[in-house]
Amino acid sequence: MAVAAGRQPVHVKKGDTVEVIAGKHRGKRGKVLKVLLKDAKVIIEAVNLVKRHSKPTQKLPQGGIVEKEASLYSSRVMLVCPKCGKAARVAHGYLADGTKVRMCKNCGEQIER
């Protein structure tokens, strides 16, 4: 796989449902909010929450302690198949018209976004 300098390939996309397979958040599932290609990391909804102390701003006038999602390495997550509901490796296949699609290695079903 040809990769630009300084970038790692990431097997998930924004909007995918993933399951954490390693670390203290193992077993948790969530939707991918952001993919950081340069660092090969992903930010997942309601997983790896950290507390940040913020000064008052116009957006947040009271300031205070804010909980937000921190990034995880993409190697620590697996895509969840929408059909079988299991965490699965991703296979790549081609449709009759030549379009490349992602497929579940467990059930062989096409993974749509």
PDB file of N, CA and C in Angstrom:
ATOM      1  N   MET A   1       0.853  -1.181   0.000  1.00  0.00           N
ATOM      2  CA  MET A   1       0.000   0.000   0.000  1.00  0.00           C
ATOM      3  C   MET A   1       0.889   1.231   0.000  1.00  0.00           C
ATOM      4  N   ALA A   2       0.699   2.083  -0.962  1.00  0.00           N
ATOM      5  CA  ALA A   2       1.484   3.314  -1.051  1.00  0.00           C
ATOM      6  C   ALA A   2       0.928   4.338  -0.072  1.00  0.00           C
ATOM      7  N   VAL A   3       1.791   4.837   0.798  1.00  0.00           N
ATOM      8  CA  VAL A   3       1.379   5.787   1.826  1.00  0.00           C
ATOM      9  C   VAL A   3       2.255   7.024   1.734  1.00  0.00           C
ATOM     10  N   ALA A   4       1.648   8.197   1.857  1.00  0.00           N
ATOM     11  CA  ALA A   4       2.410   9.447   1.826  1.00  0.00           C
ATOM     12  C   ALA A   4       3.358   9.492   3.022  1.00  0.00           C
ATOM     13  N   ALA A   5       4.434  10.240   2.890  1.00  0.00           N
ATOM     14  CA  ALA A   5       5.444  10.335   3.945  1.00  0.00           C
ATOM     15  C   ALA A   5       4.814  10.844   5.232  1.00  0.00           C
ATOM     16  N   GLY A   6       5.076  10.135   6.338  1.00  0.00           N
ATOM     17  CA  GLY A   6       4.592  10.561   7.637  1.00  0.00           C
ATOM     18  C   GLY A   6       3.171  10.126   7.946  1.00  0.00           C
ATOM     19  N   ARG A   7       2.547   9.346   7.081  1.00  0.00           N
ATOM     20  CA  ARG A   7       1.172   8.908   7.327  1.00  0.00           C
ATOM     21  C   ARG A   7       1.112   7.396   7.421  1.00  0.00           C
ATOM     22  N   GLN A   8       0.263   6.932   8.310  1.00  0.00           N
ATOM     23  CA  GLN A   8       0.053   5.501   8.488  1.00  0.00           C
ATOM     24  C   GLN A   8      -1.324   5.142   7.929  1.00  0.00           C
ATOM     25  N   PRO A   9      -1.487   3.959   7.361  1.00  0.00           N
ATOM     26  CA  PRO A   9      -2.812   3.568   6.888  1.00  0.00           C
ATOM     27  C   PRO A   9      -3.741   3.298   8.069  1.00  0.00           C
ATOM     28  N   VAL A  10      -4.973   3.742   7.953  1.00  0.00           N
ATOM     29  CA  VAL A  10      -5.981   3.540   9.000  1.00  0.00           C
ATOM     30  C   VAL A  10      -7.127   2.772   8.375  1.00  0.00           C
ATOM     31  N   HIS A  11      -7.567   1.692   9.037  1.00  0.00           N
ATOM     32  CA  HIS A  11      -8.567   0.794   8.463  1.00  0.00           C
ATOM     33  C   HIS A  11     -10.014   1.182   8.756  1.00  0.00           C
ATOM     34  N   VAL A  12     -10.236   2.260   9.493  1.00  0.00           N
ATOM     35  CA  VAL A  12     -11.600   2.699   9.794  1.00  0.00           C
ATOM     36  C   VAL A  12     -11.822   4.102   9.241  1.00  0.00           C
ATOM     37  N   LYS A  13     -13.100   4.449   9.066  1.00  0.00           N
ATOM     38  CA  LYS A  13     -13.457   5.759   8.543  1.00  0.00           C
ATOM     39  C   LYS A  13     -14.378   6.462   9.528  1.00  0.00           C
ATOM     40  N   LYS A  14     -14.521   7.758   9.346  1.00  0.00           N
ATOM     41  CA  LYS A  14     -15.419   8.551  10.169  1.00  0.00           C
ATOM     42  C   LYS A  14     -16.833   8.012  10.004  1.00  0.00           C
ATOM     43  N   GLY A  15     -17.533   7.826  11.127  1.00  0.00           N
ATOM     44  CA  GLY A  15     -18.907   7.324  11.080  1.00  0.00           C
ATOM     45  C   GLY A  15     -19.020   5.831  11.324  1.00  0.00           C
ATOM     46  N   ASP A  16     -17.906   5.082  11.258  1.00  0.00           N
ATOM     47  CA  ASP A  16     -17.928   3.639  11.510  1.00  0.00           C
ATOM     48  C   ASP A  16     -18.173   3.367  12.990  1.00  0.00           C
ATOM     49  N   THR A  17     -18.804   2.228  13.280  1.00  0.00           N
ATOM     50  CA  THR A  17     -18.927   1.763  14.656  1.00  0.00           C
ATOM     51  C   THR A  17     -17.764   0.817  14.912  1.00  0.00           C
ATOM     52  N   VAL A  18     -17.027   1.070  15.985  1.00  0.00           N
ATOM     53  CA  VAL A  18     -15.849   0.267  16.294  1.00  0.00           C
ATOM     54  C   VAL A  18     -15.913  -0.237  17.731  1.00  0.00           C
ATOM     55  N   GLU A  19     -15.100  -1.275  18.006  1.00  0.00           N
ATOM     56  CA  GLU A  19     -14.967  -1.820  19.354  1.00  0.00           C
ATOM     57  C   GLU A  19     -13.505  -1.739  19.749  1.00  0.00           C
ATOM     58  N   VAL A  20     -13.246  -1.299  20.983  1.00  0.00           N
ATOM     59  CA  VAL A  20     -11.874  -1.208  21.485  1.00  0.00           C
ATOM     60  C   VAL A  20     -11.438  -2.608  21.891  1.00  0.00           C
ATOM     61  N   ILE A  21     -10.274  -3.064  21.393  1.00  0.00           N
ATOM     62  CA  ILE A  21      -9.817  -4.435  21.654  1.00  0.00           C
ATOM     63  C   ILE A  21      -8.624  -4.496  22.598  1.00  0.00           C
ATOM     64  N   ALA A  22      -8.095  -3.341  23.031  1.00  0.00           N
ATOM     65  CA  ALA A  22      -6.939  -3.342  23.919  1.00  0.00           C
ATOM     66  C   ALA A  22      -6.975  -2.112  24.814  1.00  0.00           C
ATOM     67  N   GLY A  23      -6.376  -2.235  25.989  1.00  0.00           N
ATOM     68  CA  GLY A  23      -6.287  -1.098  26.904  1.00  0.00           C
ATOM     69  C   GLY A  23      -7.394  -1.101  27.939  1.00  0.00           C
ATOM     70  N   LYS A  24      -7.469  -0.032  28.718  1.00  0.00           N
ATOM     71  CA  LYS A  24      -8.432   0.016  29.821  1.00  0.00           C
ATOM     72  C   LYS A  24      -9.871   0.207  29.357  1.00  0.00           C
ATOM     73  N   HIS A  25     -10.063   0.583  28.098  1.00  0.00           N
ATOM     74  CA  HIS A  25     -11.414   0.756  27.565  1.00  0.00           C
ATOM     75  C   HIS A  25     -11.845  -0.438  26.721  1.00  0.00           C
ATOM     76  N   ARG A  26     -11.162  -1.569  26.887  1.00  0.00           N
ATOM     77  CA  ARG A  26     -11.436  -2.774  26.108  1.00  0.00           C
ATOM     78  C   ARG A  26     -12.902  -3.185  26.233  1.00  0.00           C
ATOM     79  N   GLY A  27     -13.509  -3.501  25.084  1.00  0.00           N
ATOM     80  CA  GLY A  27     -14.898  -3.953  25.068  1.00  0.00           C
ATOM     81  C   GLY A  27     -15.902  -2.852  24.796  1.00  0.00           C
ATOM     82  N   LYS A  28     -15.499  -1.594  24.932  1.00  0.00           N
ATOM     83  CA  LYS A  28     -16.419  -0.488  24.684  1.00  0.00           C
ATOM     84  C   LYS A  28     -16.607  -0.287  23.187  1.00  0.00           C
ATOM     85  N   ARG A  29     -17.822   0.107  22.815  1.00  0.00           N
ATOM     86  CA  ARG A  29     -18.130   0.378  21.415  1.00  0.00           C
ATOM     87  C   ARG A  29     -18.554   1.824  21.258  1.00  0.00           C
ATOM     88  N   GLY A  30     -18.298   2.370  20.095  1.00  0.00           N
ATOM     89  CA  GLY A  30     -18.699   3.742  19.829  1.00  0.00           C
ATOM     90  C   GLY A  30     -18.496   4.095  18.372  1.00  0.00           C
ATOM     91  N   LYS A  31     -18.975   5.274  18.010  1.00  0.00           N
ATOM     92  CA  LYS A  31     -18.873   5.757  16.642  1.00  0.00           C
ATOM     93  C   LYS A  31     -17.600   6.587  16.497  1.00  0.00           C
ATOM     94  N   VAL A  32     -16.915   6.433  15.373  1.00  0.00           N
ATOM     95  CA  VAL A  32     -15.693   7.195  15.104  1.00  0.00           C
ATOM     96  C   VAL A  32     -16.096   8.630  14.762  1.00  0.00           C
ATOM     97  N   LEU A  33     -15.617   9.583  15.573  1.00  0.00           N
ATOM     98  CA  LEU A  33     -15.919  10.993  15.353  1.00  0.00           C
ATOM     99  C   LEU A  33     -14.899  11.646  14.420  1.00  0.00           C
ATOM    100  N   LYS A  34     -13.640  11.215  14.537  1.00  0.00           N
ATOM    101  CA  LYS A  34     -12.569  11.841  13.758  1.00  0.00           C
ATOM    102  C   LYS A  34     -11.440  10.841  13.563  1.00  0.00           C
ATOM    103  N   VAL A  35     -10.812  10.888  12.390  1.00  0.00           N
ATOM    104  CA  VAL A  35      -9.650  10.055  12.096  1.00  0.00           C
ATOM    105  C   VAL A  35      -8.456  10.982  11.898  1.00  0.00           C
ATOM    106  N   LEU A  36      -7.403  10.767  12.695  1.00  0.00           N
ATOM    107  CA  LEU A  36      -6.185  11.570  12.602  1.00  0.00           C
ATOM    108  C   LEU A  36      -5.163  10.761  11.812  1.00  0.00           C
ATOM    109  N   LEU A  37      -5.136  10.962  10.493  1.00  0.00           N
ATOM    110  CA  LEU A  37      -4.283  10.155   9.612  1.00  0.00           C
ATOM    111  C   LEU A  37      -2.797  10.322   9.905  1.00  0.00           C
ATOM    112  N   LYS A  38      -2.384  11.522  10.228  1.00  0.00           N
ATOM    113  CA  LYS A  38      -0.956  11.786  10.453  1.00  0.00           C
ATOM    114  C   LYS A  38      -0.414  10.969  11.622  1.00  0.00           C
ATOM    115  N   ASP A  39      -1.241  10.791  12.665  1.00  0.00           N
ATOM    116  CA  ASP A  39      -0.822  10.063  13.861  1.00  0.00           C
ATOM    117  C   ASP A  39      -1.348   8.633  13.900  1.00  0.00           C
ATOM    118  N   ALA A  40      -2.160   8.221  12.923  1.00  0.00           N
ATOM    119  CA  ALA A  40      -2.809   6.899  12.886  1.00  0.00           C
ATOM    120  C   ALA A  40      -3.654   6.688  14.143  1.00  0.00           C
ATOM    121  N   LYS A  41      -4.414   7.724  14.523  1.00  0.00           N
ATOM    122  CA  LYS A  41      -5.265   7.656  15.707  1.00  0.00           C
ATOM    123  C   LYS A  41      -6.712   7.956  15.335  1.00  0.00           C
ATOM    124  N   VAL A  42      -7.617   7.549  16.219  1.00  0.00           N
ATOM    125  CA  VAL A  42      -9.037   7.824  16.025  1.00  0.00           C
ATOM    126  C   VAL A  42      -9.630   8.374  17.321  1.00  0.00           C
ATOM    127  N   ILE A  43     -10.666   9.188  17.186  1.00  0.00           N
ATOM    128  CA  ILE A  43     -11.409   9.692  18.334  1.00  0.00           C
ATOM    129  C   ILE A  43     -12.780   9.035  18.279  1.00  0.00           C
ATOM    130  N   ILE A  44     -13.161   8.357  19.372  1.00  0.00           N
ATOM    131  CA  ILE A  44     -14.391   7.587  19.425  1.00  0.00           C
ATOM    132  C   ILE A  44     -15.342   8.203  20.431  1.00  0.00           C
ATOM    133  N   GLU A  45     -16.614   8.255  20.059  1.00  0.00           N
ATOM    134  CA  GLU A  45     -17.657   8.854  20.887  1.00  0.00           C
ATOM    135  C   GLU A  45     -17.782   8.119  22.222  1.00  0.00           C
ATOM    136  N   ALA A  46     -17.700   8.848  23.333  1.00  0.00           N
ATOM    137  CA  ALA A  46     -17.879   8.357  24.706  1.00  0.00           C
ATOM    138  C   ALA A  46     -16.853   7.299  25.129  1.00  0.00           C
ATOM    139  N   VAL A  47     -15.680   7.274  24.493  1.00  0.00           N
ATOM    140  CA  VAL A  47     -14.604   6.355  24.874  1.00  0.00           C
ATOM    141  C   VAL A  47     -13.346   7.176  25.135  1.00  0.00           C
ATOM    142  N   ASN A  48     -12.579   6.801  26.160  1.00  0.00           N
ATOM    143  CA  ASN A  48     -11.328   7.475  26.529  1.00  0.00           C
ATOM    144  C   ASN A  48     -11.579   8.942  26.875  1.00  0.00           C
ATOM    145  N   LEU A  49     -12.530   9.166  27.780  1.00  0.00           N
ATOM    146  CA  LEU A  49     -12.861  10.521  28.208  1.00  0.00           C
ATOM    147  C   LEU A  49     -11.790  11.054  29.151  1.00  0.00           C
ATOM    148  N   VAL A  50     -11.375  12.295  28.915  1.00  0.00           N
ATOM    149  CA  VAL A  50     -10.399  12.960  29.773  1.00  0.00           C
ATOM    150  C   VAL A  50     -10.982  14.292  30.229  1.00  0.00           C
ATOM    151  N   LYS A  51     -10.473  14.800  31.351  1.00  0.00           N
ATOM    152  CA  LYS A  51     -10.949  16.087  31.869  1.00  0.00           C
ATOM    153  C   LYS A  51      -9.961  17.171  31.502  1.00  0.00           C
ATOM    154  N   ARG A  52     -10.479  18.263  30.985  1.00  0.00           N
ATOM    155  CA  ARG A  52      -9.658  19.408  30.617  1.00  0.00           C
ATOM    156  C   ARG A  52     -10.146  20.622  31.391  1.00  0.00           C
ATOM    157  N   HIS A  53      -9.196  21.386  31.934  1.00  0.00           N
ATOM    158  CA  HIS A  53      -9.540  22.617  32.638  1.00  0.00           C
ATOM    159  C   HIS A  53      -9.488  23.751  31.634  1.00  0.00           C
ATOM    160  N   SER A  54     -10.602  24.450  31.473  1.00  0.00           N
ATOM    161  CA  SER A  54     -10.643  25.497  30.452  1.00  0.00           C
ATOM    162  C   SER A  54     -10.964  26.850  31.061  1.00  0.00           C
ATOM    163  N   LYS A  55     -10.328  27.880  30.519  1.00  0.00           N
ATOM    164  CA  LYS A  55     -10.597  29.252  30.931  1.00  0.00           C
ATOM    165  C   LYS A  55     -11.930  29.695  30.342  1.00  0.00           C
ATOM    166  N   PRO A  56     -12.585  30.662  30.940  1.00  0.00           N
ATOM    167  CA  PRO A  56     -13.824  31.182  30.357  1.00  0.00           C
ATOM    168  C   PRO A  56     -13.575  31.790  28.977  1.00  0.00           C
ATOM    169  N   THR A  57     -14.419  31.434  28.011  1.00  0.00           N
ATOM    170  CA  THR A  57     -14.363  31.993  26.670  1.00  0.00           C
ATOM    171  C   THR A  57     -15.770  32.433  26.283  1.00  0.00           C
ATOM    172  N   GLN A  58     -15.912  33.024  25.119  1.00  0.00           N
ATOM    173  CA  GLN A  58     -17.251  33.407  24.675  1.00  0.00           C
ATOM    174  C   GLN A  58     -18.104  32.184  24.412  1.00  0.00           C
ATOM    175  N   LYS A  59     -17.476  31.128  23.953  1.00  0.00           N
ATOM    176  CA  LYS A  59     -18.200  29.887  23.690  1.00  0.00           C
ATOM    177  C   LYS A  59     -18.635  29.215  24.997  1.00  0.00           C
ATOM    178  N   LEU A  60     -17.766  29.234  25.998  1.00  0.00           N
ATOM    179  CA  LEU A  60     -18.019  28.617  27.297  1.00  0.00           C
ATOM    180  C   LEU A  60     -17.760  29.668  28.381  1.00  0.00           C
ATOM    181  N   PRO A  61     -18.755  30.547  28.661  1.00  0.00           N
ATOM    182  CA  PRO A  61     -18.530  31.693  29.558  1.00  0.00           C
ATOM    183  C   PRO A  61     -18.143  31.328  30.991  1.00  0.00           C
ATOM    184  N   GLN A  62     -18.631  30.187  31.508  1.00  0.00           N
ATOM    185  CA  GLN A  62     -18.319  29.858  32.896  1.00  0.00           C
ATOM    186  C   GLN A  62     -16.973  29.156  33.052  1.00  0.00           C
ATOM    187  N   GLY A  63     -16.396  28.614  31.941  1.00  0.00           N
ATOM    188  CA  GLY A  63     -15.122  27.898  32.051  1.00  0.00           C
ATOM    189  C   GLY A  63     -15.317  26.623  32.845  1.00  0.00           C
ATOM    190  N   GLY A  64     -14.285  26.184  33.546  1.00  0.00           N
ATOM    191  CA  GLY A  64     -14.406  25.016  34.416  1.00  0.00           C
ATOM    192  C   GLY A  64     -13.790  23.761  33.834  1.00  0.00           C
ATOM    193  N   ILE A  65     -14.217  22.623  34.378  1.00  0.00           N
ATOM    194  CA  ILE A  65     -13.676  21.325  33.971  1.00  0.00           C
ATOM    195  C   ILE A  65     -14.602  20.723  32.923  1.00  0.00           C
ATOM    196  N   VAL A  66     -14.034  20.409  31.765  1.00  0.00           N
ATOM    197  CA  VAL A  66     -14.813  19.879  30.642  1.00  0.00           C
ATOM    198  C   VAL A  66     -14.324  18.471  30.323  1.00  0.00           C
ATOM    199  N   GLU A  67     -15.266  17.527  30.143  1.00  0.00           N
ATOM    200  CA  GLU A  67     -14.906  16.171  29.736  1.00  0.00           C
ATOM    201  C   GLU A  67     -14.997  16.065  28.226  1.00  0.00           C
ATOM    202  N   LYS A  68     -13.950  15.510  27.603  1.00  0.00           N
ATOM    203  CA  LYS A  68     -13.976  15.321  26.157  1.00  0.00           C
ATOM    204  C   LYS A  68     -13.239  14.044  25.792  1.00  0.00           C
ATOM    205  N   GLU A  69     -13.466  13.586  24.567  1.00  0.00           N
ATOM    206  CA  GLU A  69     -12.847  12.349  24.108  1.00  0.00           C
ATOM    207  C   GLU A  69     -11.398  12.604  23.693  1.00  0.00           C
ATOM    208  N   ALA A  70     -10.513  11.691  24.083  1.00  0.00           N
ATOM    209  CA  ALA A  70      -9.116  11.750  23.651  1.00  0.00           C
ATOM    210  C   ALA A  70      -8.915  10.676  22.576  1.00  0.00           C
ATOM    211  N   SER A  71      -7.823  10.773  21.855  1.00  0.00           N
ATOM    212  CA  SER A  71      -7.590   9.850  20.747  1.00  0.00           C
ATOM    213  C   SER A  71      -7.010   8.516  21.231  1.00  0.00           C
ATOM    214  N   LEU A  72      -7.214   7.478  20.415  1.00  0.00           N
ATOM    215  CA  LEU A  72      -6.652   6.144  20.627  1.00  0.00           C
ATOM    216  C   LEU A  72      -5.927   5.738  19.346  1.00  0.00           C
ATOM    217  N   TYR A  73      -4.918   4.890  19.460  1.00  0.00           N
ATOM    218  CA  TYR A  73      -4.278   4.363  18.261  1.00  0.00           C
ATOM    219  C   TYR A  73      -5.277   3.485  17.511  1.00  0.00           C
ATOM    220  N   SER A  74      -5.259   3.597  16.200  1.00  0.00           N
ATOM    221  CA  SER A  74      -6.226   2.854  15.388  1.00  0.00           C
ATOM    222  C   SER A  74      -6.016   1.342  15.483  1.00  0.00           C
ATOM    223  N   SER A  75      -4.816   0.913  15.863  1.00  0.00           N
ATOM    224  CA  SER A  75      -4.551  -0.523  15.999  1.00  0.00           C
ATOM    225  C   SER A  75      -5.275  -1.119  17.205  1.00  0.00           C
ATOM    226  N   ARG A  76      -5.779  -0.284  18.090  1.00  0.00           N
ATOM    227  CA  ARG A  76      -6.487  -0.762  19.274  1.00  0.00           C
ATOM    228  C   ARG A  76      -7.986  -0.923  19.049  1.00  0.00           C
ATOM    229  N   VAL A  77      -8.453  -0.639  17.842  1.00  0.00           N
ATOM    230  CA  VAL A  77      -9.887  -0.758  17.567  1.00  0.00           C
ATOM    231  C   VAL A  77     -10.136  -1.682  16.381  1.00  0.00           C
ATOM    232  N   MET A  78     -11.318  -2.313  16.383  1.00  0.00           N
ATOM    233  CA  MET A  78     -11.749  -3.153  15.269  1.00  0.00           C
ATOM    234  C   MET A  78     -13.125  -2.698  14.824  1.00  0.00           C
ATOM    235  N   LEU A  79     -13.347  -2.761  13.544  1.00  0.00           N
ATOM    236  CA  LEU A  79     -14.624  -2.393  12.961  1.00  0.00           C
ATOM    237  C   LEU A  79     -15.688  -3.414  13.368  1.00  0.00           C
ATOM    238  N   VAL A  80     -16.899  -2.921  13.699  1.00  0.00           N
ATOM    239  CA  VAL A  80     -18.013  -3.802  14.043  1.00  0.00           C
ATOM    240  C   VAL A  80     -18.877  -3.981  12.800  1.00  0.00           C
ATOM    241  N   CYS A  81     -19.102  -5.240  12.432  1.00  0.00           N
ATOM    242  CA  CYS A  81     -19.921  -5.559  11.255  1.00  0.00           C
ATOM    243  C   CYS A  81     -21.380  -5.245  11.562  1.00  0.00           C
ATOM    244  N   PRO A  82     -22.059  -4.483  10.682  1.00  0.00           N
ATOM    245  CA  PRO A  82     -23.468  -4.154  10.944  1.00  0.00           C
ATOM    246  C   PRO A  82     -24.397  -5.363  10.853  1.00  0.00           C
ATOM    247  N   LYS A  83     -24.008  -6.402  10.092  1.00  0.00           N
ATOM    248  CA  LYS A  83     -24.880  -7.570   9.926  1.00  0.00           C
ATOM    249  C   LYS A  83     -24.737  -8.554  11.091  1.00  0.00           C
ATOM    250  N   CYS A  84     -23.486  -9.016  11.343  1.00  0.00           N
ATOM    251  CA  CYS A  84     -23.291 -10.040  12.381  1.00  0.00           C
ATOM    252  C   CYS A  84     -23.063  -9.440  13.767  1.00  0.00           C
ATOM    253  N   GLY A  85     -22.760  -8.132  13.859  1.00  0.00           N
ATOM    254  CA  GLY A  85     -22.613  -7.464  15.153  1.00  0.00           C
ATOM    255  C   GLY A  85     -21.328  -7.788  15.883  1.00  0.00           C
ATOM    256  N   LYS A  86     -20.388  -8.449  15.219  1.00  0.00           N
ATOM    257  CA  LYS A  86     -19.119  -8.807  15.854  1.00  0.00           C
ATOM    258  C   LYS A  86     -18.012  -7.880  15.363  1.00  0.00           C
ATOM    259  N   ALA A  87     -16.969  -7.752  16.188  1.00  0.00           N
ATOM    260  CA  ALA A  87     -15.782  -7.020  15.751  1.00  0.00           C
ATOM    261  C   ALA A  87     -15.079  -7.882  14.716  1.00  0.00           C
ATOM    262  N   ALA A  88     -14.757  -7.309  13.561  1.00  0.00           N
ATOM    263  CA  ALA A  88     -14.217  -8.107  12.466  1.00  0.00           C
ATOM    264  C   ALA A  88     -13.080  -7.381  11.764  1.00  0.00           C
ATOM    265  N   ARG A  89     -12.194  -8.176  11.176  1.00  0.00           N
ATOM    266  CA  ARG A  89     -11.179  -7.607  10.312  1.00  0.00           C
ATOM    267  C   ARG A  89     -11.841  -7.207   9.006  1.00  0.00           C
ATOM    268  N   VAL A  90     -11.196  -6.294   8.305  1.00  0.00           N
ATOM    269  CA  VAL A  90     -11.780  -5.765   7.076  1.00  0.00           C
ATOM    270  C   VAL A  90     -11.106  -6.398   5.871  1.00  0.00           C
ATOM    271  N   ALA A  91     -11.928  -6.947   4.966  1.00  0.00           N
ATOM    272  CA  ALA A  91     -11.434  -7.462   3.692  1.00  0.00           C
ATOM    273  C   ALA A  91     -11.834  -6.464   2.617  1.00  0.00           C
ATOM    274  N   HIS A  92     -11.122  -6.490   1.505  1.00  0.00           N
ATOM    275  CA  HIS A  92     -11.471  -5.617   0.394  1.00  0.00           C
ATOM    276  C   HIS A  92     -11.874  -6.477  -0.786  1.00  0.00           C
ATOM    277  N   GLY A  93     -13.006  -6.120  -1.383  1.00  0.00           N
ATOM    278  CA  GLY A  93     -13.502  -6.850  -2.539  1.00  0.00           C
ATOM    279  C   GLY A  93     -13.932  -5.868  -3.610  1.00  0.00           C
ATOM    280  N   TYR A  94     -14.336  -6.395  -4.735  1.00  0.00           N
ATOM    281  CA  TYR A  94     -14.755  -5.558  -5.854  1.00  0.00           C
ATOM    282  C   TYR A  94     -16.141  -5.983  -6.313  1.00  0.00           C
ATOM    283  N   LEU A  95     -16.977  -5.001  -6.627  1.00  0.00           N
ATOM    284  CA  LEU A  95     -18.295  -5.268  -7.179  1.00  0.00           C
ATOM    285  C   LEU A  95     -18.171  -5.547  -8.673  1.00  0.00           C
ATOM    286  N   ALA A  96     -19.285  -5.918  -9.301  1.00  0.00           N
ATOM    287  CA  ALA A  96     -19.286  -6.239 -10.732  1.00  0.00           C
ATOM    288  C   ALA A  96     -18.851  -5.054 -11.588  1.00  0.00           C
ATOM    289  N   ASP A  97     -19.168  -3.826 -11.116  1.00  0.00           N
ATOM    290  CA  ASP A  97     -18.790  -2.639 -11.893  1.00  0.00           C
ATOM    291  C   ASP A  97     -17.369  -2.160 -11.610  1.00  0.00           C
ATOM    292  N   GLY A  98     -16.625  -2.892 -10.776  1.00  0.00           N
ATOM    293  CA  GLY A  98     -15.233  -2.548 -10.501  1.00  0.00           C
ATOM    294  C   GLY A  98     -15.021  -1.657  -9.288  1.00  0.00           C
ATOM    295  N   THR A  99     -16.089  -1.318  -8.563  1.00  0.00           N
ATOM    296  CA  THR A  99     -15.988  -0.477  -7.371  1.00  0.00           C
ATOM    297  C   THR A  99     -15.396  -1.282  -6.210  1.00  0.00           C
ATOM    298  N   LYS A 100     -14.413  -0.714  -5.528  1.00  0.00           N
ATOM    299  CA  LYS A 100     -13.791  -1.365  -4.378  1.00  0.00           C
ATOM    300  C   LYS A 100     -14.669  -1.152  -3.148  1.00  0.00           C
ATOM    301  N   VAL A 101     -14.944  -2.229  -2.398  1.00  0.00           N
ATOM    302  CA  VAL A 101     -15.781  -2.143  -1.199  1.00  0.00           C
ATOM    303  C   VAL A 101     -15.095  -2.857  -0.038  1.00  0.00           C
ATOM    304  N   ARG A 102     -15.494  -2.482   1.173  1.00  0.00           N
ATOM    305  CA  ARG A 102     -15.004  -3.152   2.376  1.00  0.00           C
ATOM    306  C   ARG A 102     -15.966  -4.286   2.719  1.00  0.00           C
ATOM    307  N   MET A 103     -15.413  -5.413   3.189  1.00  0.00           N
ATOM    308  CA  MET A 103     -16.238  -6.568   3.531  1.00  0.00           C
ATOM    309  C   MET A 103     -15.823  -7.117   4.887  1.00  0.00           C
ATOM    310  N   CYS A 104     -16.766  -7.765   5.562  1.00  0.00           N
ATOM    311  CA  CYS A 104     -16.520  -8.401   6.860  1.00  0.00           C
ATOM    312  C   CYS A 104     -15.825  -9.735   6.630  1.00  0.00           C
ATOM    313  N   LYS A 105     -14.741 -10.002   7.360  1.00  0.00           N
ATOM    314  CA  LYS A 105     -14.022 -11.274   7.229  1.00  0.00           C
ATOM    315  C   LYS A 105     -14.803 -12.425   7.867  1.00  0.00           C
ATOM    316  N   ASN A 106     -15.716 -12.122   8.834  1.00  0.00           N
ATOM    317  CA  ASN A 106     -16.477 -13.179   9.496  1.00  0.00           C
ATOM    318  C   ASN A 106     -17.607 -13.696   8.621  1.00  0.00           C
ATOM    319  N   CYS A 107     -18.470 -12.801   8.149  1.00  0.00           N
ATOM    320  CA  CYS A 107     -19.676 -13.218   7.420  1.00  0.00           C
ATOM    321  C   CYS A 107     -19.615 -12.929   5.936  1.00  0.00           C
ATOM    322  N   GLY A 108     -18.619 -12.172   5.471  1.00  0.00           N
ATOM    323  CA  GLY A 108     -18.495 -11.875   4.049  1.00  0.00           C
ATOM    324  C   GLY A 108     -19.429 -10.802   3.550  1.00  0.00           C
ATOM    325  N   GLU A 109     -20.169 -10.164   4.448  1.00  0.00           N
ATOM    326  CA  GLU A 109     -21.128  -9.133   4.071  1.00  0.00           C
ATOM    327  C   GLU A 109     -20.414  -7.821   3.750  1.00  0.00           C
ATOM    328  N   GLN A 110     -20.957  -7.085   2.794  1.00  0.00           N
ATOM    329  CA  GLN A 110     -20.402  -5.774   2.428  1.00  0.00           C
ATOM    330  C   GLN A 110     -20.681  -4.776   3.540  1.00  0.00           C
ATOM    331  N   ILE A 111     -19.668  -3.994   3.909  1.00  0.00           N
ATOM    332  CA  ILE A 111     -19.816  -2.993   4.960  1.00  0.00           C
ATOM    333  C   ILE A 111     -20.078  -1.655   4.316  1.00  0.00           C
ATOM    334  N   GLU A 112     -21.249  -1.104   4.597  1.00  0.00           N
ATOM    335  CA  GLU A 112     -21.615   0.195   4.048  1.00  0.00           C
ATOM    336  C   GLU A 112     -21.501   1.235   5.138  1.00  0.00           C
ATOM    337  N   ARG A 113     -21.302   2.480   4.709  1.00  0.00           N
ATOM    338  CA  ARG A 113     -21.257   3.554   5.681  1.00  0.00           C
ATOM    339  C   ARG A 113     -22.599   4.212   5.771  1.00  0.00           C
TER     340      ARG A 113
END
